[in-house]
Amino acid sequence: MRLPKFISEDDWDLIVEKSLQYRVNPALPIAIGWHETNWGRLGWGRLGYHLGVGCFSEHEADERFKGLENQLDWACGRISEFLPFRPTLDELKMFCNKVWRPANCNSWSKSVYGIYKNLMKNYFPEFLIYDAPPSYAVQPLFEFYKKGYLNFPWGTNTFYRLIVVLSNVLRKKDERR
């Protein structure tokens, strides 16, 4: 797996954490952030509103949503409520109408979906076959990723079960010490 050049390693680590926590495909919040602010390079993005969450106009934004972690928390939370791991354009339009509510939902949805599909094709093709991690596997996956045991903490259900078994074995080994 390779990252888009506009995503720093620190940003990626936070995206991984929030995507695992909420069990969402990380390509979608990245696509939203690229559409909204070119991942922090335009408009409110330069002030810490990468995904445009909490930005109500060109002059008004809610400080509670400032910072990438707050942006990802809110966005990933809503994505997990309304969208599957690999959303379709129609599902994204529904999400846009119910949750995101930009001035032009049709245009927003098509743009975000195009960016999402491009990210999936060029950077995250694994997500075309991988499943969202089950809730029981999230913590072990994140721990193994943070320790550097995993380069990519997503996979199939067999992979998730293996990680949980390994985590349990290591925990029991540590308890015996």
N, C-alpha and C. Protein backbone atom coordinates (compact mmCIF):
# COMPACT_ATOMS: atom_id res chain seq x y z
N MET A 1 0.83 -1.17 0.00
CA MET A 1 0.00 0.00 0.00
C MET A 1 0.88 1.24 0.00
N ARG A 2 0.50 2.20 -0.82
CA ARG A 2 1.20 3.47 -0.81
C ARG A 2 0.19 4.57 -0.53
N LEU A 3 0.68 5.63 0.05
CA LEU A 3 -0.19 6.75 0.41
C LEU A 3 -0.16 7.83 -0.65
N PRO A 4 -1.27 8.56 -0.78
CA PRO A 4 -1.22 9.74 -1.64
C PRO A 4 -0.18 10.72 -1.10
N LYS A 5 0.48 11.44 -1.97
CA LYS A 5 1.54 12.35 -1.55
C LYS A 5 1.05 13.45 -0.62
N PHE A 6 -0.22 13.79 -0.69
CA PHE A 6 -0.74 14.87 0.14
C PHE A 6 -1.05 14.44 1.58
N ILE A 7 -0.90 13.16 1.90
CA ILE A 7 -1.15 12.65 3.26
C ILE A 7 0.19 12.43 3.95
N SER A 8 0.41 13.12 5.06
CA SER A 8 1.65 12.92 5.83
C SER A 8 1.53 11.64 6.66
N GLU A 9 2.65 11.14 7.14
CA GLU A 9 2.64 9.94 7.99
C GLU A 9 1.83 10.19 9.27
N ASP A 10 1.97 11.37 9.86
CA ASP A 10 1.21 11.69 11.08
C ASP A 10 -0.29 11.72 10.79
N ASP A 11 -0.67 12.34 9.67
CA ASP A 11 -2.08 12.36 9.29
C ASP A 11 -2.58 10.93 9.06
N TRP A 12 -1.75 10.11 8.39
CA TRP A 12 -2.15 8.73 8.12
C TRP A 12 -2.36 7.96 9.42
N ASP A 13 -1.48 8.13 10.38
CA ASP A 13 -1.65 7.43 11.66
C ASP A 13 -2.97 7.80 12.32
N LEU A 14 -3.35 9.05 12.26
CA LEU A 14 -4.62 9.49 12.83
C LEU A 14 -5.80 8.96 12.02
N ILE A 15 -5.66 8.94 10.70
CA ILE A 15 -6.71 8.38 9.84
C ILE A 15 -6.90 6.89 10.16
N VAL A 16 -5.80 6.16 10.32
CA VAL A 16 -5.88 4.75 10.66
C VAL A 16 -6.61 4.57 12.00
N GLU A 17 -6.20 5.34 13.00
CA GLU A 17 -6.83 5.23 14.32
C GLU A 17 -8.34 5.46 14.24
N LYS A 18 -8.75 6.54 13.61
CA LYS A 18 -10.18 6.88 13.55
C LYS A 18 -10.95 5.94 12.64
N SER A 19 -10.34 5.53 11.54
CA SER A 19 -11.01 4.59 10.63
C SER A 19 -11.23 3.24 11.30
N LEU A 20 -10.24 2.78 12.06
CA LEU A 20 -10.42 1.53 12.79
C LEU A 20 -11.46 1.70 13.90
N GLN A 21 -11.34 2.79 14.66
CA GLN A 21 -12.26 3.03 15.76
C GLN A 21 -13.72 3.00 15.29
N TYR A 22 -13.99 3.64 14.17
CA TYR A 22 -15.35 3.72 13.66
C TYR A 22 -15.67 2.67 12.61
N ARG A 23 -14.64 1.88 12.24
CA ARG A 23 -14.79 0.79 11.29
C ARG A 23 -15.28 1.29 9.93
N VAL A 24 -14.60 2.35 9.43
CA VAL A 24 -14.93 2.92 8.12
C VAL A 24 -13.74 2.80 7.19
N ASN A 25 -14.01 2.84 5.92
CA ASN A 25 -12.97 2.80 4.90
C ASN A 25 -12.26 4.16 4.91
N PRO A 26 -10.96 4.20 5.17
CA PRO A 26 -10.25 5.48 5.27
C PRO A 26 -10.23 6.28 3.97
N ALA A 27 -10.47 5.64 2.85
CA ALA A 27 -10.48 6.38 1.58
C ALA A 27 -11.61 7.41 1.54
N LEU A 28 -12.70 7.17 2.26
CA LEU A 28 -13.83 8.09 2.19
C LEU A 28 -13.57 9.40 2.93
N PRO A 29 -13.12 9.40 4.19
CA PRO A 29 -12.80 10.70 4.80
C PRO A 29 -11.67 11.42 4.09
N ILE A 30 -10.74 10.68 3.52
CA ILE A 30 -9.67 11.32 2.75
C ILE A 30 -10.27 12.01 1.52
N ALA A 31 -11.19 11.32 0.83
CA ALA A 31 -11.83 11.91 -0.36
C ALA A 31 -12.61 13.17 0.01
N ILE A 32 -13.31 13.13 1.13
CA ILE A 32 -14.06 14.31 1.57
C ILE A 32 -13.09 15.45 1.86
N GLY A 33 -12.01 15.16 2.56
CA GLY A 33 -11.02 16.19 2.88
C GLY A 33 -10.36 16.77 1.64
N TRP A 34 -10.13 15.94 0.64
CA TRP A 34 -9.54 16.45 -0.59
C TRP A 34 -10.54 17.34 -1.32
N HIS A 35 -11.79 16.90 -1.36
CA HIS A 35 -12.81 17.70 -2.03
C HIS A 35 -13.02 19.05 -1.31
N GLU A 36 -13.10 19.02 -0.01
CA GLU A 36 -13.44 20.22 0.75
C GLU A 36 -12.30 21.25 0.79
N THR A 37 -11.07 20.78 1.05
CA THR A 37 -9.98 21.75 1.30
C THR A 37 -8.65 21.35 0.68
N ASN A 38 -8.67 20.41 -0.27
CA ASN A 38 -7.41 19.87 -0.78
C ASN A 38 -6.52 19.42 0.38
N TRP A 39 -7.15 18.73 1.29
CA TRP A 39 -6.52 18.20 2.50
C TRP A 39 -5.75 19.27 3.28
N GLY A 40 -6.48 20.32 3.63
CA GLY A 40 -5.93 21.36 4.49
C GLY A 40 -5.18 22.47 3.77
N ARG A 41 -5.20 22.47 2.47
CA ARG A 41 -4.44 23.47 1.71
C ARG A 41 -5.26 24.68 1.28
N LEU A 42 -6.59 24.57 1.35
CA LEU A 42 -7.45 25.66 0.89
C LEU A 42 -8.44 26.08 1.99
N GLY A 43 -8.86 27.32 1.95
CA GLY A 43 -9.94 27.81 2.80
C GLY A 43 -9.78 27.47 4.26
N TRP A 44 -10.87 26.99 4.85
CA TRP A 44 -10.88 26.62 6.26
C TRP A 44 -9.87 25.52 6.58
N GLY A 45 -9.48 24.75 5.59
CA GLY A 45 -8.51 23.68 5.81
C GLY A 45 -7.19 24.19 6.37
N ARG A 46 -6.79 25.38 5.97
CA ARG A 46 -5.53 25.96 6.47
C ARG A 46 -5.62 26.29 7.96
N LEU A 47 -6.84 26.35 8.48
CA LEU A 47 -7.04 26.65 9.91
C LEU A 47 -7.40 25.41 10.72
N GLY A 48 -7.25 24.22 10.11
CA GLY A 48 -7.48 22.98 10.85
C GLY A 48 -8.81 22.32 10.61
N TYR A 49 -9.52 22.72 9.58
CA TYR A 49 -10.82 22.12 9.26
C TYR A 49 -10.69 21.34 7.95
N HIS A 50 -9.85 20.32 7.95
CA HIS A 50 -9.52 19.56 6.73
C HIS A 50 -10.75 19.05 5.97
N LEU A 51 -11.75 18.58 6.69
CA LEU A 51 -12.93 18.00 6.04
C LEU A 51 -14.08 18.99 5.94
N GLY A 52 -13.87 20.19 6.40
CA GLY A 52 -14.92 21.21 6.35
C GLY A 52 -16.00 21.04 7.39
N VAL A 53 -15.82 20.14 8.34
CA VAL A 53 -16.81 19.92 9.39
C VAL A 53 -16.87 21.15 10.29
N GLY A 54 -18.08 21.65 10.51
CA GLY A 54 -18.27 22.79 11.39
C GLY A 54 -18.07 24.14 10.73
N CYS A 55 -17.84 24.14 9.42
CA CYS A 55 -17.66 25.40 8.69
C CYS A 55 -18.99 25.77 8.05
N PHE A 56 -19.62 26.80 8.55
CA PHE A 56 -20.97 27.14 8.13
C PHE A 56 -21.00 28.16 7.00
N SER A 57 -19.96 28.95 6.88
CA SER A 57 -19.88 29.94 5.81
C SER A 57 -18.41 30.30 5.62
N GLU A 58 -18.15 31.24 4.77
CA GLU A 58 -16.76 31.67 4.56
C GLU A 58 -16.21 32.39 5.78
N HIS A 59 -17.10 32.82 6.69
CA HIS A 59 -16.67 33.63 7.84
C HIS A 59 -17.01 33.01 9.18
N GLU A 60 -17.68 31.86 9.20
CA GLU A 60 -18.13 31.29 10.47
C GLU A 60 -17.84 29.79 10.54
N ALA A 61 -17.16 29.40 11.62
CA ALA A 61 -16.87 27.98 11.86
C ALA A 61 -16.98 27.71 13.36
N ASP A 62 -17.29 26.49 13.71
CA ASP A 62 -17.43 26.07 15.10
C ASP A 62 -16.07 25.56 15.59
N GLU A 63 -15.51 26.22 16.56
CA GLU A 63 -14.18 25.88 17.10
C GLU A 63 -14.10 24.45 17.65
N ARG A 64 -15.23 23.90 18.06
CA ARG A 64 -15.21 22.53 18.62
C ARG A 64 -14.74 21.50 17.61
N PHE A 65 -14.84 21.83 16.32
CA PHE A 65 -14.47 20.88 15.27
C PHE A 65 -13.09 21.15 14.68
N LYS A 66 -12.39 22.10 15.24
CA LYS A 66 -11.07 22.47 14.73
C LYS A 66 -10.05 21.37 15.05
N GLY A 67 -9.19 21.08 14.10
CA GLY A 67 -8.16 20.06 14.27
C GLY A 67 -8.55 18.77 13.56
N LEU A 68 -7.55 18.11 13.00
CA LEU A 68 -7.82 16.91 12.22
C LEU A 68 -8.49 15.82 13.04
N GLU A 69 -8.09 15.64 14.29
CA GLU A 69 -8.71 14.60 15.10
C GLU A 69 -10.20 14.87 15.28
N ASN A 70 -10.59 16.10 15.58
CA ASN A 70 -12.00 16.43 15.74
C ASN A 70 -12.76 16.29 14.43
N GLN A 71 -12.12 16.68 13.32
CA GLN A 71 -12.74 16.54 12.01
C GLN A 71 -13.02 15.06 11.71
N LEU A 72 -12.01 14.22 11.95
CA LEU A 72 -12.17 12.79 11.67
C LEU A 72 -13.15 12.12 12.61
N ASP A 73 -13.12 12.51 13.88
CA ASP A 73 -14.08 11.93 14.84
C ASP A 73 -15.51 12.15 14.36
N TRP A 74 -15.83 13.40 14.04
CA TRP A 74 -17.20 13.69 13.64
C TRP A 74 -17.54 12.99 12.33
N ALA A 75 -16.67 13.15 11.32
CA ALA A 75 -16.96 12.59 10.00
C ALA A 75 -17.03 11.06 10.03
N CYS A 76 -16.06 10.42 10.65
CA CYS A 76 -16.06 8.95 10.69
C CYS A 76 -17.25 8.43 11.49
N GLY A 77 -17.63 9.16 12.54
CA GLY A 77 -18.81 8.77 13.31
C GLY A 77 -20.07 8.78 12.46
N ARG A 78 -20.24 9.81 11.66
CA ARG A 78 -21.42 9.90 10.80
C ARG A 78 -21.34 8.89 9.66
N ILE A 79 -20.15 8.73 9.08
CA ILE A 79 -19.99 7.76 8.00
C ILE A 79 -20.37 6.37 8.50
N SER A 80 -19.91 6.01 9.70
CA SER A 80 -20.20 4.67 10.23
C SER A 80 -21.69 4.47 10.49
N GLU A 81 -22.42 5.53 10.77
CA GLU A 81 -23.86 5.43 11.01
C GLU A 81 -24.65 5.23 9.72
N PHE A 82 -24.17 5.81 8.62
CA PHE A 82 -24.99 5.88 7.42
C PHE A 82 -24.47 5.13 6.21
N LEU A 83 -23.18 4.77 6.19
CA LEU A 83 -22.62 4.19 4.97
C LEU A 83 -21.96 2.85 5.22
N PRO A 84 -22.02 1.95 4.23
CA PRO A 84 -21.27 0.69 4.33
C PRO A 84 -19.78 0.94 4.07
N PHE A 85 -18.99 -0.08 4.23
CA PHE A 85 -17.53 0.02 4.08
C PHE A 85 -17.13 0.45 2.67
N ARG A 86 -17.88 0.01 1.66
CA ARG A 86 -17.63 0.40 0.27
C ARG A 86 -18.92 1.00 -0.29
N PRO A 87 -19.14 2.29 -0.07
CA PRO A 87 -20.41 2.90 -0.49
C PRO A 87 -20.51 3.08 -2.00
N THR A 88 -21.74 3.09 -2.47
CA THR A 88 -22.03 3.41 -3.87
C THR A 88 -22.30 4.91 -3.98
N LEU A 89 -22.39 5.40 -5.20
CA LEU A 89 -22.71 6.80 -5.41
C LEU A 89 -24.09 7.13 -4.84
N ASP A 90 -25.06 6.26 -5.04
CA ASP A 90 -26.40 6.51 -4.50
C ASP A 90 -26.39 6.57 -2.97
N GLU A 91 -25.63 5.70 -2.35
CA GLU A 91 -25.53 5.74 -0.88
C GLU A 91 -24.85 7.02 -0.41
N LEU A 92 -23.85 7.46 -1.15
CA LEU A 92 -23.16 8.71 -0.81
C LEU A 92 -24.10 9.90 -0.98
N LYS A 93 -24.95 9.88 -2.01
CA LYS A 93 -25.93 10.95 -2.19
C LYS A 93 -26.91 10.99 -1.01
N MET A 94 -27.35 9.83 -0.56
CA MET A 94 -28.25 9.77 0.59
C MET A 94 -27.55 10.35 1.82
N PHE A 95 -26.30 9.98 2.03
CA PHE A 95 -25.50 10.50 3.14
C PHE A 95 -25.38 12.02 3.04
N CYS A 96 -25.13 12.49 1.86
CA CYS A 96 -24.99 13.93 1.63
C CYS A 96 -26.28 14.66 2.01
N ASN A 97 -27.41 14.14 1.57
CA ASN A 97 -28.69 14.78 1.86
C ASN A 97 -29.06 14.73 3.34
N LYS A 98 -28.75 13.65 4.02
CA LYS A 98 -29.12 13.51 5.42
C LYS A 98 -28.11 14.12 6.38
N VAL A 99 -26.82 14.10 6.02
CA VAL A 99 -25.79 14.45 6.98
C VAL A 99 -24.96 15.67 6.57
N TRP A 100 -24.32 15.59 5.41
CA TRP A 100 -23.32 16.59 5.06
C TRP A 100 -23.95 17.93 4.66
N ARG A 101 -24.96 17.88 3.82
CA ARG A 101 -25.77 19.02 3.42
C ARG A 101 -25.02 20.22 2.86
N PRO A 102 -24.23 20.02 1.82
CA PRO A 102 -23.61 21.19 1.17
C PRO A 102 -24.64 21.92 0.31
N ALA A 103 -24.23 22.99 -0.29
CA ALA A 103 -25.15 23.78 -1.13
C ALA A 103 -25.70 22.95 -2.30
N ASN A 104 -24.85 22.12 -2.90
CA ASN A 104 -25.27 21.31 -4.05
C ASN A 104 -24.89 19.86 -3.79
N CYS A 105 -25.83 19.11 -3.26
CA CYS A 105 -25.56 17.72 -2.86
C CYS A 105 -25.18 16.83 -4.03
N ASN A 106 -25.81 17.02 -5.16
CA ASN A 106 -25.52 16.19 -6.32
C ASN A 106 -24.07 16.38 -6.77
N SER A 107 -23.66 17.63 -6.87
CA SER A 107 -22.29 17.95 -7.29
C SER A 107 -21.28 17.46 -6.25
N TRP A 108 -21.57 17.68 -4.97
CA TRP A 108 -20.68 17.25 -3.90
C TRP A 108 -20.50 15.74 -3.95
N SER A 109 -21.60 15.02 -4.05
CA SER A 109 -21.56 13.55 -4.06
C SER A 109 -20.74 13.01 -5.23
N LYS A 110 -20.98 13.56 -6.42
CA LYS A 110 -20.24 13.10 -7.60
C LYS A 110 -18.75 13.38 -7.46
N SER A 111 -18.40 14.55 -6.95
CA SER A 111 -16.99 14.89 -6.78
C SER A 111 -16.32 13.98 -5.75
N VAL A 112 -16.93 13.86 -4.58
CA VAL A 112 -16.36 13.02 -3.52
C VAL A 112 -16.27 11.58 -3.98
N TYR A 113 -17.30 11.10 -4.66
CA TYR A 113 -17.28 9.71 -5.12
C TYR A 113 -16.18 9.49 -6.16
N GLY A 114 -15.99 10.44 -7.06
CA GLY A 114 -14.91 10.33 -8.04
C GLY A 114 -13.54 10.29 -7.38
N ILE A 115 -13.33 11.13 -6.39
CA ILE A 115 -12.05 11.13 -5.65
C ILE A 115 -11.89 9.81 -4.90
N TYR A 116 -12.96 9.37 -4.26
CA TYR A 116 -12.95 8.10 -3.53
C TYR A 116 -12.58 6.93 -4.46
N LYS A 117 -13.23 6.86 -5.62
CA LYS A 117 -12.93 5.77 -6.56
C LYS A 117 -11.48 5.84 -7.04
N ASN A 118 -10.97 7.04 -7.28
CA ASN A 118 -9.58 7.21 -7.68
C ASN A 118 -8.63 6.74 -6.58
N LEU A 119 -8.92 7.10 -5.35
CA LEU A 119 -8.09 6.64 -4.23
C LEU A 119 -8.12 5.12 -4.11
N MET A 120 -9.30 4.55 -4.26
CA MET A 120 -9.43 3.09 -4.18
C MET A 120 -8.62 2.40 -5.27
N LYS A 121 -8.69 2.93 -6.47
CA LYS A 121 -7.99 2.33 -7.61
C LYS A 121 -6.48 2.49 -7.49
N ASN A 122 -6.02 3.69 -7.17
CA ASN A 122 -4.60 3.99 -7.24
C ASN A 122 -3.83 3.81 -5.93
N TYR A 123 -4.51 3.84 -4.80
CA TYR A 123 -3.79 3.77 -3.52
C TYR A 123 -4.27 2.67 -2.60
N PHE A 124 -5.55 2.34 -2.63
CA PHE A 124 -6.09 1.38 -1.68
C PHE A 124 -6.86 0.24 -2.36
N PRO A 125 -6.29 -0.41 -3.35
CA PRO A 125 -7.06 -1.48 -4.03
C PRO A 125 -7.41 -2.62 -3.09
N GLU A 126 -6.68 -2.75 -1.99
CA GLU A 126 -6.97 -3.81 -1.02
C GLU A 126 -8.40 -3.68 -0.49
N PHE A 127 -8.88 -2.44 -0.38
CA PHE A 127 -10.21 -2.22 0.18
C PHE A 127 -11.33 -2.70 -0.73
N LEU A 128 -11.00 -3.09 -1.95
CA LEU A 128 -12.01 -3.66 -2.83
C LEU A 128 -12.38 -5.07 -2.41
N ILE A 129 -11.48 -5.74 -1.66
CA ILE A 129 -11.76 -7.11 -1.22
C ILE A 129 -11.80 -7.24 0.31
N TYR A 130 -11.21 -6.32 1.03
CA TYR A 130 -11.20 -6.41 2.50
C TYR A 130 -12.53 -5.98 3.08
N ASP A 131 -12.78 -6.48 4.27
CA ASP A 131 -14.00 -6.16 4.99
C ASP A 131 -13.69 -5.19 6.12
N ALA A 132 -14.72 -4.50 6.59
CA ALA A 132 -14.55 -3.68 7.78
C ALA A 132 -14.20 -4.61 8.94
N PRO A 133 -13.29 -4.20 9.81
CA PRO A 133 -12.94 -5.09 10.92
C PRO A 133 -14.11 -5.24 11.89
N PRO A 134 -14.31 -6.43 12.42
CA PRO A 134 -15.34 -6.59 13.44
C PRO A 134 -14.93 -5.82 14.69
N SER A 135 -15.88 -5.41 15.49
CA SER A 135 -15.58 -4.58 16.66
C SER A 135 -14.59 -5.27 17.60
N TYR A 136 -14.65 -6.60 17.74
CA TYR A 136 -13.75 -7.29 18.65
C TYR A 136 -12.28 -7.23 18.21
N ALA A 137 -12.02 -6.91 16.94
CA ALA A 137 -10.65 -6.90 16.43
C ALA A 137 -10.03 -5.51 16.39
N VAL A 138 -10.80 -4.47 16.62
CA VAL A 138 -10.31 -3.11 16.44
C VAL A 138 -9.12 -2.80 17.35
N GLN A 139 -9.25 -3.06 18.64
CA GLN A 139 -8.17 -2.73 19.57
C GLN A 139 -6.88 -3.49 19.27
N PRO A 140 -6.93 -4.82 19.08
CA PRO A 140 -5.69 -5.52 18.73
C PRO A 140 -5.07 -5.04 17.42
N LEU A 141 -5.89 -4.76 16.42
CA LEU A 141 -5.37 -4.26 15.15
C LEU A 141 -4.63 -2.95 15.36
N PHE A 142 -5.24 -2.04 16.10
CA PHE A 142 -4.61 -0.75 16.33
C PHE A 142 -3.32 -0.90 17.14
N GLU A 143 -3.34 -1.75 18.15
CA GLU A 143 -2.12 -1.97 18.95
C GLU A 143 -1.00 -2.54 18.10
N PHE A 144 -1.30 -3.53 17.27
CA PHE A 144 -0.26 -4.12 16.42
C PHE A 144 0.25 -3.12 15.40
N TYR A 145 -0.65 -2.28 14.88
CA TYR A 145 -0.24 -1.26 13.92
C TYR A 145 0.69 -0.25 14.60
N LYS A 146 0.32 0.24 15.78
CA LYS A 146 1.12 1.24 16.49
C LYS A 146 2.50 0.69 16.88
N LYS A 147 2.58 -0.60 17.17
CA LYS A 147 3.86 -1.21 17.52
C LYS A 147 4.71 -1.53 16.29
N GLY A 148 4.15 -1.34 15.11
CA GLY A 148 4.90 -1.59 13.88
C GLY A 148 4.84 -3.03 13.40
N TYR A 149 3.98 -3.86 14.01
CA TYR A 149 3.86 -5.25 13.58
C TYR A 149 3.04 -5.38 12.30
N LEU A 150 2.20 -4.38 12.03
CA LEU A 150 1.38 -4.38 10.82
C LEU A 150 1.64 -3.11 10.04
N ASN A 151 1.81 -3.25 8.74
CA ASN A 151 1.92 -2.07 7.89
C ASN A 151 0.54 -1.57 7.47
N PHE A 152 -0.42 -2.46 7.50
CA PHE A 152 -1.77 -2.17 7.01
C PHE A 152 -2.74 -2.97 7.87
N PRO A 153 -3.51 -2.31 8.74
CA PRO A 153 -4.32 -3.07 9.70
C PRO A 153 -5.71 -3.48 9.22
N TRP A 154 -5.88 -3.75 7.95
CA TRP A 154 -7.16 -4.22 7.44
C TRP A 154 -6.92 -5.52 6.70
N GLY A 155 -7.97 -6.31 6.57
CA GLY A 155 -7.84 -7.58 5.87
C GLY A 155 -9.16 -8.30 5.78
N THR A 156 -9.07 -9.62 5.76
CA THR A 156 -10.26 -10.46 5.69
C THR A 156 -10.64 -10.90 7.10
N ASN A 157 -11.77 -11.55 7.21
CA ASN A 157 -12.21 -12.04 8.52
C ASN A 157 -11.23 -13.04 9.11
N THR A 158 -10.59 -13.83 8.27
CA THR A 158 -9.57 -14.77 8.75
C THR A 158 -8.40 -14.02 9.36
N PHE A 159 -7.96 -12.95 8.71
CA PHE A 159 -6.88 -12.12 9.23
C PHE A 159 -7.27 -11.52 10.58
N TYR A 160 -8.49 -11.02 10.69
CA TYR A 160 -8.94 -10.41 11.94
C TYR A 160 -8.96 -11.43 13.08
N ARG A 161 -9.42 -12.63 12.79
CA ARG A 161 -9.42 -13.66 13.84
C ARG A 161 -8.01 -14.01 14.26
N LEU A 162 -7.08 -14.08 13.32
CA LEU A 162 -5.68 -14.37 13.63
C LEU A 162 -5.09 -13.30 14.54
N ILE A 163 -5.35 -12.04 14.24
CA ILE A 163 -4.83 -10.94 15.05
C ILE A 163 -5.36 -11.03 16.48
N VAL A 164 -6.62 -11.34 16.63
CA VAL A 164 -7.21 -11.45 17.98
C VAL A 164 -6.58 -12.62 18.73
N VAL A 165 -6.39 -13.75 18.07
CA VAL A 165 -5.74 -14.90 18.71
C VAL A 165 -4.32 -14.54 19.14
N LEU A 166 -3.55 -13.91 18.24
CA LEU A 166 -2.19 -13.49 18.58
C LEU A 166 -2.18 -12.51 19.76
N SER A 167 -3.10 -11.60 19.75
CA SER A 167 -3.20 -10.63 20.84
C SER A 167 -3.48 -11.33 22.16
N ASN A 168 -4.39 -12.28 22.15
CA ASN A 168 -4.71 -13.03 23.37
C ASN A 168 -3.51 -13.84 23.86
N VAL A 169 -2.80 -14.46 22.95
CA VAL A 169 -1.60 -15.25 23.31
C VAL A 169 -0.55 -14.33 23.94
N LEU A 170 -0.29 -13.19 23.32
CA LEU A 170 0.70 -12.26 23.86
C LEU A 170 0.28 -11.70 25.20
N ARG A 171 -0.99 -11.40 25.37
CA ARG A 171 -1.49 -10.88 26.64
C ARG A 171 -1.30 -11.92 27.76
N LYS A 172 -1.62 -13.18 27.46
CA LYS A 172 -1.46 -14.23 28.47
C LYS A 172 0.01 -14.44 28.80
N LYS A 173 0.86 -14.34 27.79
CA LYS A 173 2.30 -14.47 28.01
C LYS A 173 2.80 -13.34 28.93
N ASP A 174 2.33 -12.12 28.68
CA ASP A 174 2.71 -10.97 29.53
C ASP A 174 2.19 -11.12 30.95
N GLU A 175 1.01 -11.70 31.11
CA GLU A 175 0.42 -11.88 32.44
C GLU A 175 1.22 -12.88 33.26
N ARG A 176 1.85 -13.85 32.61
CA ARG A 176 2.63 -14.87 33.32
C ARG A 176 3.96 -14.33 33.81
N ARG A 177 4.41 -13.24 33.26
CA ARG A 177 5.73 -12.71 33.65
C ARG A 177 5.71 -12.15 35.02
